C-alpha atoms as a PDB file:
ATOM      1  CA  MET A   1      21.335 -53.653  11.361  1.00  0.00           C
ATOM      2  CA  THR A   2      19.165 -50.973  12.924  1.00  0.00           C
ATOM      3  CA  GLN A   3      18.794 -47.483  11.566  1.00  0.00           C
ATOM      4  CA  ASP A   4      19.341 -44.478  13.806  1.00  0.00           C
ATOM      5  CA  VAL A   5      16.023 -42.706  13.295  1.00  0.00           C
ATOM      6  CA  SER A   6      16.966 -39.907  15.647  1.00  0.00           C
ATOM      7  CA  GLY A   7      20.164 -39.041  13.779  1.00  0.00           C
ATOM      8  CA  SER A   8      20.968 -39.622  10.135  1.00  0.00           C
ATOM      9  CA  ALA A   9      17.390 -40.550   9.207  1.00  0.00           C
ATOM     10  CA  ALA A  10      16.044 -37.198  10.401  1.00  0.00           C
ATOM     11  CA  SER A  11      15.076 -34.770   7.662  1.00  0.00           C
ATOM     12  CA  PRO A  12      17.475 -31.840   7.292  1.00  0.00           C
ATOM     13  CA  ALA A  13      16.328 -28.405   8.350  1.00  0.00           C
ATOM     14  CA  ALA A  14      14.852 -26.280   5.581  1.00  0.00           C
ATOM     15  CA  PRO A  15      17.389 -23.762   4.281  1.00  0.00           C
ATOM     16  CA  GLU A  16      16.847 -20.086   5.027  1.00  0.00           C
ATOM     17  CA  ILE A  17      15.952 -17.914   2.039  1.00  0.00           C
ATOM     18  CA  SER A  18      17.861 -14.674   1.632  1.00  0.00           C
ATOM     19  CA  ALA A  19      16.086 -11.334   1.392  1.00  0.00           C
ATOM     20  CA  THR A  20      17.286 -10.687  -2.146  1.00  0.00           C
ATOM     21  CA  ALA A  21      16.404 -14.215  -3.303  1.00  0.00           C
ATOM     22  CA  ALA A  22      12.903 -13.738  -1.910  1.00  0.00           C
ATOM     23  CA  MET A  23      12.540 -10.449  -3.829  1.00  0.00           C
ATOM     24  CA  VAL A  24      13.095 -12.356  -7.066  1.00  0.00           C
ATOM     25  CA  GLY A  25      11.312 -15.509  -5.945  1.00  0.00           C
ATOM     26  CA  VAL A  26       7.920 -13.880  -5.433  1.00  0.00           C
ATOM     27  CA  PHE A  27       7.789 -13.436  -9.212  1.00  0.00           C
ATOM     28  CA  THR A  28       9.597 -16.584 -10.402  1.00  0.00           C
ATOM     29  CA  ARG A  29       8.611 -19.183  -7.755  1.00  0.00           C
ATOM     30  CA  PRO A  30       6.008 -17.567  -5.498  1.00  0.00           C
ATOM     31  CA  ALA A  31       4.670 -20.742  -3.848  1.00  0.00           C
ATOM     32  CA  ALA A  32       8.117 -22.054  -2.882  1.00  0.00           C
ATOM     33  CA  THR A  33       9.279 -18.590  -1.847  1.00  0.00           C
ATOM     34  CA  PHE A  34       6.373 -17.952   0.508  1.00  0.00           C
ATOM     35  CA  ALA A  35       6.688 -21.462   1.949  1.00  0.00           C
ATOM     36  CA  ALA A  36      10.314 -20.649   2.791  1.00  0.00           C
ATOM     37  CA  LEU A  37       9.337 -17.266   4.241  1.00  0.00           C
ATOM     38  CA  VAL A  38       6.720 -18.861   6.493  1.00  0.00           C
ATOM     39  CA  ARG A  39       9.326 -21.318   7.806  1.00  0.00           C
ATOM     40  CA  ARG A  40      12.087 -18.723   8.239  1.00  0.00           C
ATOM     41  CA  PRO A  41      10.654 -15.197   8.018  1.00  0.00           C
ATOM     42  CA  THR A  42      12.620 -12.211   6.768  1.00  0.00           C
ATOM     43  CA  TRP A  43      10.937  -8.928   5.918  1.00  0.00           C
ATOM     44  CA  TRP A  44      13.420  -6.085   6.418  1.00  0.00           C
ATOM     45  CA  LEU A  45      14.415  -5.492   2.769  1.00  0.00           C
ATOM     46  CA  PRO A  46      10.991  -4.657   1.239  1.00  0.00           C
ATOM     47  CA  PHE A  47      10.075  -2.805   4.440  1.00  0.00           C
ATOM     48  CA  VAL A  48      13.126  -0.536   4.186  1.00  0.00           C
ATOM     49  CA  ALA A  49      12.559  -0.106   0.444  1.00  0.00           C
ATOM     50  CA  GLY A  50       8.996   0.988   1.135  1.00  0.00           C
ATOM     51  CA  ILE A  51      10.085   3.527   3.742  1.00  0.00           C
ATOM     52  CA  LEU A  52      12.672   5.018   1.380  1.00  0.00           C
ATOM     53  CA  LEU A  53      10.197   5.236  -1.507  1.00  0.00           C
ATOM     54  CA  ALA A  54       7.583   6.860   0.735  1.00  0.00           C
ATOM     55  CA  ALA A  55      10.090   9.447   1.926  1.00  0.00           C
ATOM     56  CA  LEU A  56      11.320  10.139  -1.619  1.00  0.00           C
ATOM     57  CA  PHE A  57       7.750  10.487  -2.910  1.00  0.00           C
ATOM     58  CA  SER A  58       7.012  13.002  -0.140  1.00  0.00           C
ATOM     59  CA  VAL A  59      10.113  15.061  -0.972  1.00  0.00           C
ATOM     60  CA  VAL A  60       9.397  15.255  -4.703  1.00  0.00           C
ATOM     61  CA  MET A  61       5.692  15.867  -4.158  1.00  0.00           C
ATOM     62  CA  THR A  62       6.184  19.181  -2.369  1.00  0.00           C
ATOM     63  CA  ASP A  63       7.484  20.928  -5.495  1.00  0.00           C
ATOM     64  CA  LYS A  64       4.958  19.373  -7.867  1.00  0.00           C
ATOM     65  CA  ILE A  65       1.734  20.309  -6.095  1.00  0.00           C
ATOM     66  CA  ASP A  66      -0.005  23.593  -6.877  1.00  0.00           C
ATOM     67  CA  GLN A  67      -0.940  24.191  -3.263  1.00  0.00           C
ATOM     68  CA  ASP A  68      -3.133  27.194  -3.992  1.00  0.00           C
ATOM     69  CA  ALA A  69      -5.219  25.359  -6.595  1.00  0.00           C
ATOM     70  CA  ALA A  70      -5.318  22.157  -4.534  1.00  0.00           C
ATOM     71  CA  MET A  71      -6.531  23.902  -1.373  1.00  0.00           C
ATOM     72  CA  ARG A  72      -9.036  26.033  -3.260  1.00  0.00           C
ATOM     73  CA  ARG A  73     -10.473  22.939  -4.926  1.00  0.00           C
ATOM     74  CA  ALA A  74     -10.719  21.161  -1.557  1.00  0.00           C
ATOM     75  CA  ILE A  75     -12.610  24.073  -0.024  1.00  0.00           C
ATOM     76  CA  GLU A  76     -14.938  24.290  -3.027  1.00  0.00           C
ATOM     77  CA  LYS A  77     -15.690  20.569  -2.742  1.00  0.00           C
ATOM     78  CA  LYS A  78     -16.438  20.956   0.951  1.00  0.00           C
ATOM     79  CA  MET A  79     -18.851  23.815   0.257  1.00  0.00           C
ATOM     80  CA  ALA A  80     -20.545  21.822  -2.505  1.00  0.00           C
ATOM     81  CA  ARG A  81     -21.112  18.853  -0.174  1.00  0.00           C
ATOM     82  CA  SER A  82     -22.475  20.984   2.652  1.00  0.00           C
ATOM     83  CA  GLY A  83     -24.510  23.288   0.425  1.00  0.00           C
ATOM     84  CA  GLN A  84     -22.930  26.313   2.091  1.00  0.00           C
ATOM     85  CA  THR A  85     -21.356  29.313   0.428  1.00  0.00           C
ATOM     86  CA  MET A  86     -18.525  31.605   1.490  1.00  0.00           C
ATOM     87  CA  PRO A  87     -17.585  35.081   0.296  1.00  0.00           C
ATOM     88  CA  LYS A  88     -14.573  35.112  -2.000  1.00  0.00           C
ATOM     89  CA  GLU A  89     -12.565  37.010   0.597  1.00  0.00           C
ATOM     90  CA  ARG A  90     -13.080  34.256   3.196  1.00  0.00           C
ATOM     91  CA  VAL A  91     -12.217  31.563   0.643  1.00  0.00           C
ATOM     92  CA  ASP A  92      -9.010  33.392  -0.265  1.00  0.00           C
ATOM     93  CA  ALA A  93      -8.090  33.781   3.396  1.00  0.00           C
ATOM     94  CA  ALA A  94      -8.747  30.077   4.088  1.00  0.00           C
ATOM     95  CA  VAL A  95      -6.624  29.085   1.085  1.00  0.00           C
ATOM     96  CA  ASP A  96      -3.777  31.349   2.224  1.00  0.00           C
ATOM     97  CA  ARG A  97      -3.828  29.827   5.726  1.00  0.00           C
ATOM     98  CA  ALA A  98      -3.848  26.275   4.352  1.00  0.00           C
ATOM     99  CA  VAL A  99      -1.012  26.992   1.917  1.00  0.00           C
ATOM    100  CA  GLU A 100       1.068  28.593   4.667  1.00  0.00           C
ATOM    101  CA  MET A 101       0.527  25.549   6.876  1.00  0.00           C
ATOM    102  CA  GLN A 102       1.621  23.247   4.056  1.00  0.00           C
ATOM    103  CA  ARG A 103       4.781  25.301   3.556  1.00  0.00           C
ATOM    104  CA  LYS A 104       5.623  25.048   7.253  1.00  0.00           C
ATOM    105  CA  MET A 105       5.081  21.275   7.153  1.00  0.00           C
ATOM    106  CA  ALA A 106       7.169  20.767   3.990  1.00  0.00           C
ATOM    107  CA  PRO A 107      10.485  20.027   5.795  1.00  0.00           C
ATOM    108  CA  TYR A 108       8.784  17.237   7.745  1.00  0.00           C
ATOM    109  CA  THR A 109       7.052  15.519   4.824  1.00  0.00           C
ATOM    110  CA  PRO A 110       9.742  12.822   4.323  1.00  0.00           C
ATOM    111  CA  THR A 111       9.443  11.794   7.969  1.00  0.00           C
ATOM    112  CA  ILE A 112       5.663  11.879   7.805  1.00  0.00           C
ATOM    113  CA  GLY A 113       5.618   9.805   4.604  1.00  0.00           C
ATOM    114  CA  ALA A 114       7.993   7.195   6.025  1.00  0.00           C
ATOM    115  CA  ALA A 115       6.078   7.027   9.317  1.00  0.00           C
ATOM    116  CA  ALA A 116       2.776   6.615   7.490  1.00  0.00           C
ATOM    117  CA  PHE A 117       4.180   3.717   5.453  1.00  0.00           C
ATOM    118  CA  ALA A 118       5.492   1.998   8.601  1.00  0.00           C
ATOM    119  CA  PHE A 119       2.207   2.529  10.449  1.00  0.00           C
ATOM    120  CA  PHE A 120       0.041   1.013   7.721  1.00  0.00           C
ATOM    121  CA  PHE A 121       2.540  -1.793   7.115  1.00  0.00           C
ATOM    122  CA  PHE A 122       2.291  -3.018  10.696  1.00  0.00           C
ATOM    123  CA  LEU A 123      -1.445  -2.316  10.875  1.00  0.00           C
ATOM    124  CA  VAL A 124      -2.257  -4.459   7.825  1.00  0.00           C
ATOM    125  CA  ALA A 125       0.185  -7.189   8.892  1.00  0.00           C
ATOM    126  CA  LEU A 126      -1.468  -7.352  12.325  1.00  0.00           C
ATOM    127  CA  VAL A 127      -4.921  -7.509  10.727  1.00  0.00           C
ATOM    128  CA  LEU A 128      -3.745 -10.393   8.532  1.00  0.00           C
ATOM    129  CA  ALA A 129      -2.248 -12.152  11.552  1.00  0.00           C
ATOM    130  CA  GLY A 130      -5.448 -11.782  13.561  1.00  0.00           C
ATOM    131  CA  ALA A 131      -7.598 -13.007  10.686  1.00  0.00           C
ATOM    132  CA  GLY A 132      -5.289 -15.948  10.000  1.00  0.00           C
ATOM    133  CA  SER A 133      -5.237 -16.998  13.643  1.00  0.00           C
ATOM    134  CA  ALA A 134      -9.027 -16.773  13.822  1.00  0.00           C
ATOM    135  CA  PHE A 135      -9.262 -19.279  10.970  1.00  0.00           C
ATOM    136  CA  GLY A 136      -6.788 -21.740  12.458  1.00  0.00           C
ATOM    137  CA  ALA A 137      -3.516 -20.652  10.877  1.00  0.00           C
ATOM    138  CA  GLU A 138      -0.396 -21.937  12.606  1.00  0.00           C
ATOM    139  CA  ALA A 139       2.121 -19.162  12.060  1.00  0.00           C
ATOM    140  CA  LYS A 140       3.871 -16.636  14.273  1.00  0.00           C
ATOM    141  CA  LEU A 141       3.730 -12.883  13.809  1.00  0.00           C
ATOM    142  CA  PRO A 142       7.071 -12.532  11.922  1.00  0.00           C
ATOM    143  CA  ALA A 143       5.678 -14.862   9.237  1.00  0.00           C
ATOM    144  CA  TYR A 144       2.841 -12.409   8.578  1.00  0.00           C
ATOM    145  CA  PHE A 145       5.306  -9.516   8.403  1.00  0.00           C
ATOM    146  CA  ALA A 146       7.263 -11.482   5.793  1.00  0.00           C
ATOM    147  CA  ILE A 147       4.145 -12.459   3.847  1.00  0.00           C
ATOM    148  CA  TYR A 148       2.812  -8.915   3.681  1.00  0.00           C
ATOM    149  CA  ALA A 149       6.235  -7.388   2.965  1.00  0.00           C
ATOM    150  CA  TYR A 150       6.965  -9.615  -0.025  1.00  0.00           C
ATOM    151  CA  ALA A 151       3.396  -9.804  -1.328  1.00  0.00           C
ATOM    152  CA  GLY A 152       3.499  -6.000  -1.367  1.00  0.00           C
ATOM    153  CA  ILE A 153       6.450  -5.809  -3.756  1.00  0.00           C
ATOM    154  CA  PRO A 154       4.128  -5.002  -6.708  1.00  0.00           C
ATOM    155  CA  MET A 155       2.959  -1.985  -4.707  1.00  0.00           C
ATOM    156  CA  LEU A 156       6.604  -0.955  -4.282  1.00  0.00           C
ATOM    157  CA  VAL A 157       6.904  -1.088  -8.071  1.00  0.00           C
ATOM    158  CA  ARG A 158       3.838   1.132  -8.266  1.00  0.00           C
ATOM    159  CA  SER A 159       5.464   3.584  -5.831  1.00  0.00           C
ATOM    160  CA  ALA A 160       8.617   3.658  -7.947  1.00  0.00           C
ATOM    161  CA  ILE A 161       6.528   4.433 -11.042  1.00  0.00           C
ATOM    162  CA  ALA A 162       4.785   7.207  -9.120  1.00  0.00           C
ATOM    163  CA  VAL A 163       8.132   8.760  -8.146  1.00  0.00           C
ATOM    164  CA  VAL A 164       9.313   8.667 -11.772  1.00  0.00           C
ATOM    165  CA  ARG A 165       6.094  10.305 -12.949  1.00  0.00           C
ATOM    166  CA  LEU A 166       6.429  12.938 -10.241  1.00  0.00           C
ATOM    167  CA  PHE A 167       9.962  13.781 -11.373  1.00  0.00           C
ATOM    168  CA  ALA A 168       8.683  14.141 -14.947  1.00  0.00           C
ATOM    169  CA  ALA A 169       5.785  16.442 -14.004  1.00  0.00           C
ATOM    170  CA  PRO A 170       6.336  20.223 -14.178  1.00  0.00           C
ATOM    171  CA  ASP A 171       6.557  22.039 -10.846  1.00  0.00           C
ATOM    172  CA  MET A 172       3.232  23.192  -9.387  1.00  0.00           C
ATOM    173  CA  SER A 173       1.249  21.279 -12.002  1.00  0.00           C
ATOM    174  CA  LEU A 174      -0.566  18.675  -9.889  1.00  0.00           C
ATOM    175  CA  THR A 175      -3.388  18.515  -7.364  1.00  0.00           C
ATOM    176  CA  TYR A 176      -3.962  15.986  -4.587  1.00  0.00           C
ATOM    177  CA  ASP A 177      -6.469  14.227  -6.834  1.00  0.00           C
ATOM    178  CA  ASP A 178      -3.665  13.695  -9.353  1.00  0.00           C
ATOM    179  CA  LEU A 179      -1.477  12.142  -6.651  1.00  0.00           C
ATOM    180  CA  ALA A 180      -4.147   9.568  -5.851  1.00  0.00           C
ATOM    181  CA  ARG A 181      -3.614   7.844  -9.195  1.00  0.00           C
ATOM    182  CA  ILE A 182      -0.188   8.954 -10.361  1.00  0.00           C
ATOM    183  CA  GLY A 183       1.316   5.491  -9.872  1.00  0.00           C
ATOM    184  CA  THR A 184      -1.627   3.433 -11.042  1.00  0.00           C
ATOM    185  CA  VAL A 185      -1.680   1.114 -14.031  1.00  0.00           C
ATOM    186  CA  GLY A 186      -5.299   0.340 -14.707  1.00  0.00           C
ATOM    187  CA  PRO A 187      -8.719   1.885 -15.373  1.00  0.00           C
ATOM    188  CA  ALA A 188      -8.084   4.923 -13.148  1.00  0.00           C
ATOM    189  CA  LEU A 189      -5.594   6.244 -15.706  1.00  0.00           C
ATOM    190  CA  LEU A 190      -8.326   6.355 -18.347  1.00  0.00           C
ATOM    191  CA  LEU A 191     -10.621   8.590 -16.328  1.00  0.00           C
ATOM    192  CA  PRO A 192     -10.810  12.307 -17.153  1.00  0.00           C
ATOM    193  CA  PRO A 193      -9.483  14.754 -14.526  1.00  0.00           C
ATOM    194  CA  SER A 194     -13.015  15.885 -13.700  1.00  0.00           C
ATOM    195  CA  SER A 195     -14.147  12.407 -12.619  1.00  0.00           C
ATOM    196  CA  ALA A 196     -15.931  12.094  -9.282  1.00  0.00           C
ATOM    197  CA  SER A 197     -13.740  11.012  -6.357  1.00  0.00           C
ATOM    198  CA  VAL A 198     -15.879   7.918  -5.751  1.00  0.00           C
ATOM    199  CA  VAL A 199     -15.396   6.784  -9.351  1.00  0.00           C
ATOM    200  CA  VAL A 200     -11.634   7.292  -9.048  1.00  0.00           C
ATOM    201  CA  ALA A 201     -11.605   5.323  -5.772  1.00  0.00           C
ATOM    202  CA  VAL A 202     -13.377   2.356  -7.360  1.00  0.00           C
ATOM    203  CA  ALA A 203     -11.183   2.425 -10.471  1.00  0.00           C
ATOM    204  CA  SER A 204      -8.004   2.666  -8.372  1.00  0.00           C
ATOM    205  CA  SER A 205      -9.002  -0.484  -6.494  1.00  0.00           C
ATOM    206  CA  PHE A 206      -8.658  -2.435  -9.751  1.00  0.00           C
ATOM    207  CA  ASP A 207      -5.080  -1.283 -10.232  1.00  0.00           C
ATOM    208  CA  VAL A 208      -2.830  -3.976 -11.717  1.00  0.00           C
ATOM    209  CA  PHE A 209      -0.283  -3.741  -8.895  1.00  0.00           C
ATOM    210  CA  LEU A 210      -2.900  -3.919  -6.148  1.00  0.00           C
ATOM    211  CA  LEU A 211      -4.534  -6.975  -7.723  1.00  0.00           C
ATOM    212  CA  ALA A 212      -1.097  -8.590  -8.078  1.00  0.00           C
ATOM    213  CA  THR A 213      -0.514  -8.075  -4.352  1.00  0.00           C
ATOM    214  CA  VAL A 214      -3.871  -9.675  -3.530  1.00  0.00           C
ATOM    215  CA  ALA A 215      -3.002 -12.648  -5.761  1.00  0.00           C
ATOM    216  CA  LEU A 216       0.377 -13.053  -4.031  1.00  0.00           C
ATOM    217  CA  LEU A 217      -1.324 -12.910  -0.635  1.00  0.00           C
ATOM    218  CA  VAL A 218      -3.567 -15.793  -1.697  1.00  0.00           C
ATOM    219  CA  VAL A 219      -0.507 -17.829  -2.728  1.00  0.00           C
ATOM    220  CA  ALA A 220       1.241 -16.938   0.535  1.00  0.00           C
ATOM    221  CA  PHE A 221      -1.718 -17.788   2.762  1.00  0.00           C
ATOM    222  CA  ARG A 222      -1.988 -21.191   1.101  1.00  0.00           C
ATOM    223  CA  ARG A 223       1.502 -21.935   2.421  1.00  0.00           C
ATOM    224  CA  ILE A 224       0.504 -21.301   6.052  1.00  0.00           C
ATOM    225  CA  PRO A 225      -0.016 -24.554   8.012  1.00  0.00           C
ATOM    226  CA  GLY A 226      -3.470 -25.058   9.477  1.00  0.00           C
ATOM    227  CA  LEU A 227      -5.246 -22.711   7.054  1.00  0.00           C
ATOM    228  CA  SER A 228      -7.664 -24.229   4.557  1.00  0.00           C
ATOM    229  CA  LYS A 229      -7.448 -23.287   0.887  1.00  0.00           C
ATOM    230  CA  GLY A 230     -10.871 -21.679   1.109  1.00  0.00           C
ATOM    231  CA  SER A 231      -9.839 -19.454   4.011  1.00  0.00           C
ATOM    232  CA  ALA A 232      -6.480 -18.716   2.364  1.00  0.00           C
ATOM    233  CA  THR A 233      -8.350 -17.395  -0.680  1.00  0.00           C
ATOM    234  CA  THR A 234     -11.124 -15.598   1.185  1.00  0.00           C
ATOM    235  CA  LEU A 235      -9.007 -13.599   3.640  1.00  0.00           C
ATOM    236  CA  PRO A 236      -6.938 -11.616   1.075  1.00  0.00           C
ATOM    237  CA  LEU A 237     -10.052 -11.011  -1.026  1.00  0.00           C
ATOM    238  CA  ALA A 238     -11.881  -9.781   2.078  1.00  0.00           C
ATOM    239  CA  LEU A 239      -8.989  -7.401   2.786  1.00  0.00           C
ATOM    240  CA  TRP A 240      -9.207  -6.059  -0.776  1.00  0.00           C
ATOM    241  CA  GLY A 241     -12.988  -5.644  -0.403  1.00  0.00           C
ATOM    242  CA  ALA A 242     -12.537  -3.782   2.888  1.00  0.00           C
ATOM    243  CA  LEU A 243     -10.000  -1.481   1.223  1.00  0.00           C
ATOM    244  CA  LEU A 244     -12.467  -0.780  -1.575  1.00  0.00           C
ATOM    245  CA  LEU A 245     -15.219   0.093   0.921  1.00  0.00           C
ATOM    246  CA  VAL A 246     -12.896   2.373   2.905  1.00  0.00           C
ATOM    247  CA  ARG A 247     -11.788   4.172  -0.247  1.00  0.00           C
ATOM    248  CA  VAL A 248     -15.345   4.644  -1.472  1.00  0.00           C
ATOM    249  CA  GLY A 249     -16.563   5.783   1.947  1.00  0.00           C
ATOM    250  CA  TRP A 250     -13.676   8.209   2.387  1.00  0.00           C
ATOM    251  CA  SER A 251     -14.219   9.648  -1.091  1.00  0.00           C
ATOM    252  CA  ALA A 252     -17.959  10.006  -0.517  1.00  0.00           C
ATOM    253  CA  PHE A 253     -17.492  11.975   2.700  1.00  0.00           C
ATOM    254  CA  PHE A 254     -14.211  13.810   2.108  1.00  0.00           C
ATOM    255  CA  GLY A 255     -13.464  13.550  -1.635  1.00  0.00           C
END
């Protein structure tokens, strides 16, 4: 009796993983979850959650920042880097103009925050896709969206912590330097407020949530067909290293 290899002997199609199951699975069964996401990508839930958190953070932030102190400190830093000095009257006028501009932009901050999250989400996902393809990965673009969306869930947790801390902070009590580490859990929290921007940038790169995202990216990339384990480990670490260099460079020139 012959067996019908084209019918009943064929392996069943892999089941699709739901968005909510994937949210839990990245913590309980990350390897199996990312394997399922590569086969049948879904990425809308963490993406939407990130947009909402970014918009909420932007709304709460406007009342918590001491714009006068923040702008004055930024101008003083710029003068210190350039070695130039300005009369107090010109500094006051520059601060007033900057504060007025921030007040005019306040109604648009939720949209700006959400748009910035979406922009960097797709930018990083496209970078990951290009790097993966260059090293022989056999996955389509939606798989990279899914990988980055779900590997970034620890960063969504960090954003939620930042929003809670913002709500708890008194109005007009924070500067932009405070915002840079308000959601961190790691060495950046131990630094004094007067720490140099470069030091804060390095410490923030060793944040627990960021390192967890890098670790999940390694697990996810190892589930992509055609990609060696060495490349799957190197690419996320290279992305983290590039982020560290960008942060340090930005802080050195503009911090």
